[in-house]
Structures are given as structure tokens and as C-alpha cells.
Amino acid sequence: ERDHYLCAYCKVQGVITPAKTVDHIVPIEFDETSKANVDNLAVICGKCHRLKTDWEQSYYGTGQGNELQSVTPINDVSAIVVLMDKE
């Protein structure tokens, strides 16, 4: 409800996209302590979720068969959108 069922990742790009999926901004696989933190949650559409998952796998090393990296967590949706577009 906080995000009005709109994709936070599209919204920072000036696009309004309805969405119902809630995503952990910093993946819990990388930082389990952020799992219950509401500030680590954002609504995300299917297209952005696929892009973000691909970016997380290369940046954080998340996903099956990957090795977690020692990197600084990024919790700014605007910054993540820029990084996702570079993938």
C-alpha cells in the first residue's frame, strides 16, 4: 500500500507501471538481517524484477551456483536502476 501498487523502479524513470510484487532492495541472500526491514522493500514489476535479478547476480553474486561477493550494499532504487540498465 505504501507504494500504491506502482513499480518503484519504473517510477524513478518517470514511468507509471502497476505492480503487485514486493522485492527486497538489497537481496536477503546477501544480507539476511534486512529481511524484515520495511525500508528494504519496494514494489516491482515483472520486467524490472528480471533486470534487477540479473544485475544482483552479477553484482552481489546471488543465485544458484554463484558465489556471494564482498561488495557494498546498494539500497537506493535510483542508483540500482542506473546500474540495471548497464547490464
N, C-alpha and C. Protein backbone atom coordinates (compact mmCIF):
# COMPACT_ATOMS: atom_id res chain seq x y z
N GLU A 1 0.82 -1.20 0.00
CA GLU A 1 0.00 0.00 0.00
C GLU A 1 0.86 1.26 0.00
N ARG A 2 1.99 1.21 0.71
CA ARG A 2 2.86 2.39 0.80
C ARG A 2 3.27 2.90 -0.57
N ASP A 3 3.53 1.99 -1.50
CA ASP A 3 3.99 2.37 -2.84
C ASP A 3 2.84 2.46 -3.84
N HIS A 4 1.60 2.35 -3.35
CA HIS A 4 0.40 2.50 -4.18
C HIS A 4 0.35 1.50 -5.34
N TYR A 5 0.97 0.33 -5.13
CA TYR A 5 0.97 -0.74 -6.14
C TYR A 5 1.57 -0.29 -7.48
N LEU A 6 2.59 0.56 -7.39
CA LEU A 6 3.30 1.04 -8.57
C LEU A 6 4.77 0.64 -8.47
N CYS A 7 5.35 0.21 -9.56
CA CYS A 7 6.75 -0.22 -9.57
C CYS A 7 7.65 0.96 -9.21
N ALA A 8 8.41 0.81 -8.14
CA ALA A 8 9.32 1.87 -7.68
C ALA A 8 10.45 2.10 -8.67
N TYR A 9 10.85 1.06 -9.38
CA TYR A 9 11.97 1.15 -10.32
C TYR A 9 11.54 1.88 -11.60
N CYS A 10 10.33 1.65 -12.06
CA CYS A 10 9.79 2.40 -13.20
C CYS A 10 9.54 3.85 -12.80
N LYS A 11 9.01 4.02 -11.60
CA LYS A 11 8.62 5.36 -11.13
C LYS A 11 9.80 6.34 -11.14
N VAL A 12 10.99 5.89 -10.73
CA VAL A 12 12.15 6.79 -10.73
C VAL A 12 12.59 7.15 -12.14
N GLN A 13 12.07 6.41 -13.13
CA GLN A 13 12.36 6.71 -14.54
C GLN A 13 11.23 7.53 -15.18
N GLY A 14 10.25 7.91 -14.35
CA GLY A 14 9.14 8.70 -14.86
C GLY A 14 8.06 7.88 -15.54
N VAL A 15 8.05 6.58 -15.30
CA VAL A 15 7.06 5.68 -15.91
C VAL A 15 6.18 5.12 -14.81
N ILE A 16 4.87 5.11 -15.04
CA ILE A 16 3.94 4.56 -14.06
C ILE A 16 3.54 3.16 -14.52
N THR A 17 3.92 2.16 -13.73
CA THR A 17 3.63 0.76 -14.06
C THR A 17 2.99 0.09 -12.86
N PRO A 18 1.75 -0.39 -13.00
CA PRO A 18 1.12 -1.14 -11.90
C PRO A 18 1.92 -2.41 -11.60
N ALA A 19 2.03 -2.75 -10.33
CA ALA A 19 2.78 -3.94 -9.92
C ALA A 19 2.29 -4.40 -8.56
N LYS A 20 2.40 -5.69 -8.31
CA LYS A 20 1.97 -6.25 -7.03
C LYS A 20 3.05 -7.04 -6.31
N THR A 21 4.21 -7.21 -6.95
CA THR A 21 5.30 -7.97 -6.35
C THR A 21 6.10 -7.07 -5.43
N VAL A 22 6.43 -7.56 -4.25
CA VAL A 22 7.29 -6.83 -3.32
C VAL A 22 8.67 -7.45 -3.37
N ASP A 23 9.68 -6.60 -3.52
CA ASP A 23 11.06 -7.04 -3.70
C ASP A 23 11.94 -6.50 -2.58
N HIS A 24 12.93 -7.29 -2.17
CA HIS A 24 13.94 -6.79 -1.24
C HIS A 24 14.95 -5.99 -2.05
N ILE A 25 15.12 -4.73 -1.71
CA ILE A 25 16.04 -3.87 -2.45
C ILE A 25 17.45 -4.45 -2.38
N VAL A 26 17.92 -4.72 -1.18
CA VAL A 26 19.17 -5.47 -1.01
C VAL A 26 18.74 -6.91 -0.79
N PRO A 27 19.16 -7.83 -1.64
CA PRO A 27 18.67 -9.20 -1.54
C PRO A 27 18.98 -9.85 -0.19
N ILE A 28 18.00 -10.58 0.34
CA ILE A 28 18.20 -11.21 1.64
C ILE A 28 19.24 -12.31 1.57
N GLU A 29 19.47 -12.86 0.40
CA GLU A 29 20.54 -13.85 0.24
C GLU A 29 21.89 -13.21 0.57
N PHE A 30 22.03 -11.91 0.27
CA PHE A 30 23.26 -11.18 0.55
C PHE A 30 23.28 -10.66 1.98
N ASP A 31 22.14 -10.20 2.49
CA ASP A 31 22.06 -9.63 3.84
C ASP A 31 20.77 -10.05 4.52
N GLU A 32 20.82 -11.19 5.20
CA GLU A 32 19.63 -11.73 5.86
C GLU A 32 19.10 -10.82 6.96
N THR A 33 19.94 -9.94 7.51
CA THR A 33 19.48 -9.06 8.60
C THR A 33 18.47 -8.02 8.09
N SER A 34 18.42 -7.81 6.78
CA SER A 34 17.50 -6.81 6.23
C SER A 34 16.15 -7.41 5.83
N LYS A 35 15.97 -8.69 6.10
CA LYS A 35 14.76 -9.40 5.66
C LYS A 35 13.47 -8.74 6.16
N ALA A 36 13.41 -8.37 7.41
CA ALA A 36 12.18 -7.83 8.00
C ALA A 36 12.13 -6.31 7.98
N ASN A 37 13.12 -5.66 7.41
CA ASN A 37 13.18 -4.19 7.37
C ASN A 37 12.28 -3.67 6.25
N VAL A 38 11.20 -2.98 6.62
CA VAL A 38 10.25 -2.47 5.62
C VAL A 38 10.91 -1.45 4.69
N ASP A 39 11.95 -0.78 5.15
CA ASP A 39 12.67 0.17 4.30
C ASP A 39 13.48 -0.53 3.21
N ASN A 40 13.62 -1.85 3.32
CA ASN A 40 14.35 -2.63 2.31
C ASN A 40 13.37 -3.27 1.31
N LEU A 41 12.13 -2.83 1.32
CA LEU A 41 11.12 -3.39 0.42
C LEU A 41 10.65 -2.35 -0.58
N ALA A 42 10.39 -2.79 -1.81
CA ALA A 42 9.83 -1.92 -2.83
C ALA A 42 8.97 -2.76 -3.77
N VAL A 43 7.93 -2.14 -4.30
CA VAL A 43 7.09 -2.81 -5.29
C VAL A 43 7.84 -2.81 -6.62
N ILE A 44 7.74 -3.93 -7.34
CA ILE A 44 8.50 -4.07 -8.60
C ILE A 44 7.65 -4.81 -9.63
N CYS A 45 7.73 -4.37 -10.88
CA CYS A 45 7.01 -5.04 -11.97
C CYS A 45 7.85 -6.21 -12.48
N GLY A 46 7.25 -7.04 -13.30
CA GLY A 46 7.93 -8.23 -13.82
C GLY A 46 9.18 -7.90 -14.63
N LYS A 47 9.08 -6.90 -15.51
CA LYS A 47 10.23 -6.53 -16.35
C LYS A 47 11.40 -6.06 -15.49
N CYS A 48 11.14 -5.17 -14.55
CA CYS A 48 12.22 -4.67 -13.69
C CYS A 48 12.76 -5.77 -12.80
N HIS A 49 11.89 -6.68 -12.36
CA HIS A 49 12.35 -7.77 -11.49
C HIS A 49 13.35 -8.65 -12.23
N ARG A 50 13.08 -8.94 -13.51
CA ARG A 50 14.03 -9.75 -14.29
C ARG A 50 15.36 -9.02 -14.45
N LEU A 51 15.30 -7.72 -14.77
CA LEU A 51 16.54 -6.94 -14.93
C LEU A 51 17.31 -6.85 -13.61
N LYS A 52 16.58 -6.63 -12.52
CA LYS A 52 17.22 -6.49 -11.22
C LYS A 52 17.84 -7.81 -10.78
N THR A 53 17.17 -8.91 -11.02
CA THR A 53 17.71 -10.22 -10.66
C THR A 53 19.02 -10.47 -11.41
N ASP A 54 19.04 -10.16 -12.70
CA ASP A 54 20.28 -10.32 -13.48
C ASP A 54 21.39 -9.45 -12.91
N TRP A 55 21.06 -8.19 -12.58
CA TRP A 55 22.06 -7.28 -12.01
C TRP A 55 22.56 -7.80 -10.65
N GLU A 56 21.64 -8.26 -9.80
CA GLU A 56 22.03 -8.78 -8.48
C GLU A 56 22.98 -9.97 -8.60
N GLN A 57 22.73 -10.82 -9.58
CA GLN A 57 23.59 -11.98 -9.75
C GLN A 57 25.01 -11.57 -10.13
N SER A 58 25.13 -10.53 -10.94
CA SER A 58 26.48 -10.10 -11.32
C SER A 58 27.13 -9.24 -10.24
N TYR A 59 26.35 -8.40 -9.54
CA TYR A 59 26.92 -7.50 -8.53
C TYR A 59 27.14 -8.20 -7.19
N TYR A 60 26.07 -8.81 -6.68
CA TYR A 60 26.15 -9.45 -5.36
C TYR A 60 26.63 -10.90 -5.41
N GLY A 61 26.50 -11.52 -6.57
CA GLY A 61 26.84 -12.94 -6.67
C GLY A 61 25.74 -13.83 -6.15
N THR A 62 24.50 -13.34 -6.18
CA THR A 62 23.36 -14.14 -5.72
C THR A 62 22.95 -15.13 -6.80
N GLY A 63 22.15 -16.08 -6.40
CA GLY A 63 21.63 -17.07 -7.35
C GLY A 63 22.37 -18.38 -7.26
N GLN A 64 21.68 -19.40 -7.68
CA GLN A 64 22.22 -20.76 -7.62
C GLN A 64 23.50 -20.87 -8.43
N GLY A 65 24.51 -21.43 -7.81
CA GLY A 65 25.78 -21.66 -8.50
C GLY A 65 26.72 -20.47 -8.49
N ASN A 66 26.28 -19.34 -7.94
CA ASN A 66 27.13 -18.16 -7.87
C ASN A 66 27.76 -18.04 -6.50
N GLU A 67 28.80 -17.24 -6.39
CA GLU A 67 29.49 -17.03 -5.13
C GLU A 67 29.25 -15.59 -4.68
N LEU A 68 28.75 -15.42 -3.44
CA LEU A 68 28.49 -14.08 -2.93
C LEU A 68 29.77 -13.25 -2.93
N GLN A 69 29.63 -12.02 -3.35
CA GLN A 69 30.76 -11.09 -3.44
C GLN A 69 30.84 -10.22 -2.19
N SER A 70 32.00 -9.71 -1.91
CA SER A 70 32.20 -8.77 -0.81
C SER A 70 32.09 -7.36 -1.39
N VAL A 71 30.84 -6.87 -1.48
CA VAL A 71 30.57 -5.56 -2.07
C VAL A 71 29.74 -4.73 -1.11
N THR A 72 29.68 -3.45 -1.35
CA THR A 72 28.86 -2.55 -0.55
C THR A 72 27.41 -2.67 -1.00
N PRO A 73 26.48 -2.91 -0.07
CA PRO A 73 25.07 -2.99 -0.46
C PRO A 73 24.58 -1.65 -1.01
N ILE A 74 23.75 -1.71 -2.03
CA ILE A 74 23.17 -0.50 -2.62
C ILE A 74 21.67 -0.55 -2.34
N ASN A 75 21.19 0.44 -1.58
CA ASN A 75 19.77 0.45 -1.22
C ASN A 75 19.01 1.64 -1.82
N ASP A 76 19.63 2.33 -2.77
CA ASP A 76 19.00 3.46 -3.44
C ASP A 76 18.41 2.98 -4.77
N VAL A 77 17.08 2.98 -4.86
CA VAL A 77 16.40 2.48 -6.05
C VAL A 77 16.88 3.21 -7.31
N SER A 78 17.06 4.51 -7.24
CA SER A 78 17.51 5.28 -8.41
C SER A 78 18.88 4.81 -8.89
N ALA A 79 19.79 4.57 -7.97
CA ALA A 79 21.12 4.08 -8.33
C ALA A 79 21.04 2.69 -8.93
N ILE A 80 20.19 1.85 -8.37
CA ILE A 80 20.04 0.47 -8.88
C ILE A 80 19.51 0.50 -10.31
N VAL A 81 18.56 1.39 -10.59
CA VAL A 81 18.00 1.49 -11.94
C VAL A 81 19.11 1.83 -12.94
N VAL A 82 19.98 2.76 -12.60
CA VAL A 82 21.09 3.13 -13.48
C VAL A 82 21.98 1.92 -13.71
N LEU A 83 22.29 1.20 -12.65
CA LEU A 83 23.17 0.02 -12.75
C LEU A 83 22.51 -1.12 -13.52
N MET A 84 21.20 -1.29 -13.33
CA MET A 84 20.46 -2.35 -14.04
C MET A 84 20.51 -2.10 -15.54
N ASP A 85 20.41 -0.85 -15.94
CA ASP A 85 20.38 -0.50 -17.37
C ASP A 85 21.73 -0.72 -18.04
N LYS A 86 22.79 -0.84 -17.24
CA LYS A 86 24.13 -1.06 -17.80
C LYS A 86 24.39 -2.54 -18.07
N GLU A 87 23.56 -3.40 -17.55
CA GLU A 87 23.73 -4.86 -17.72
C GLU A 87 23.46 -5.26 -19.13
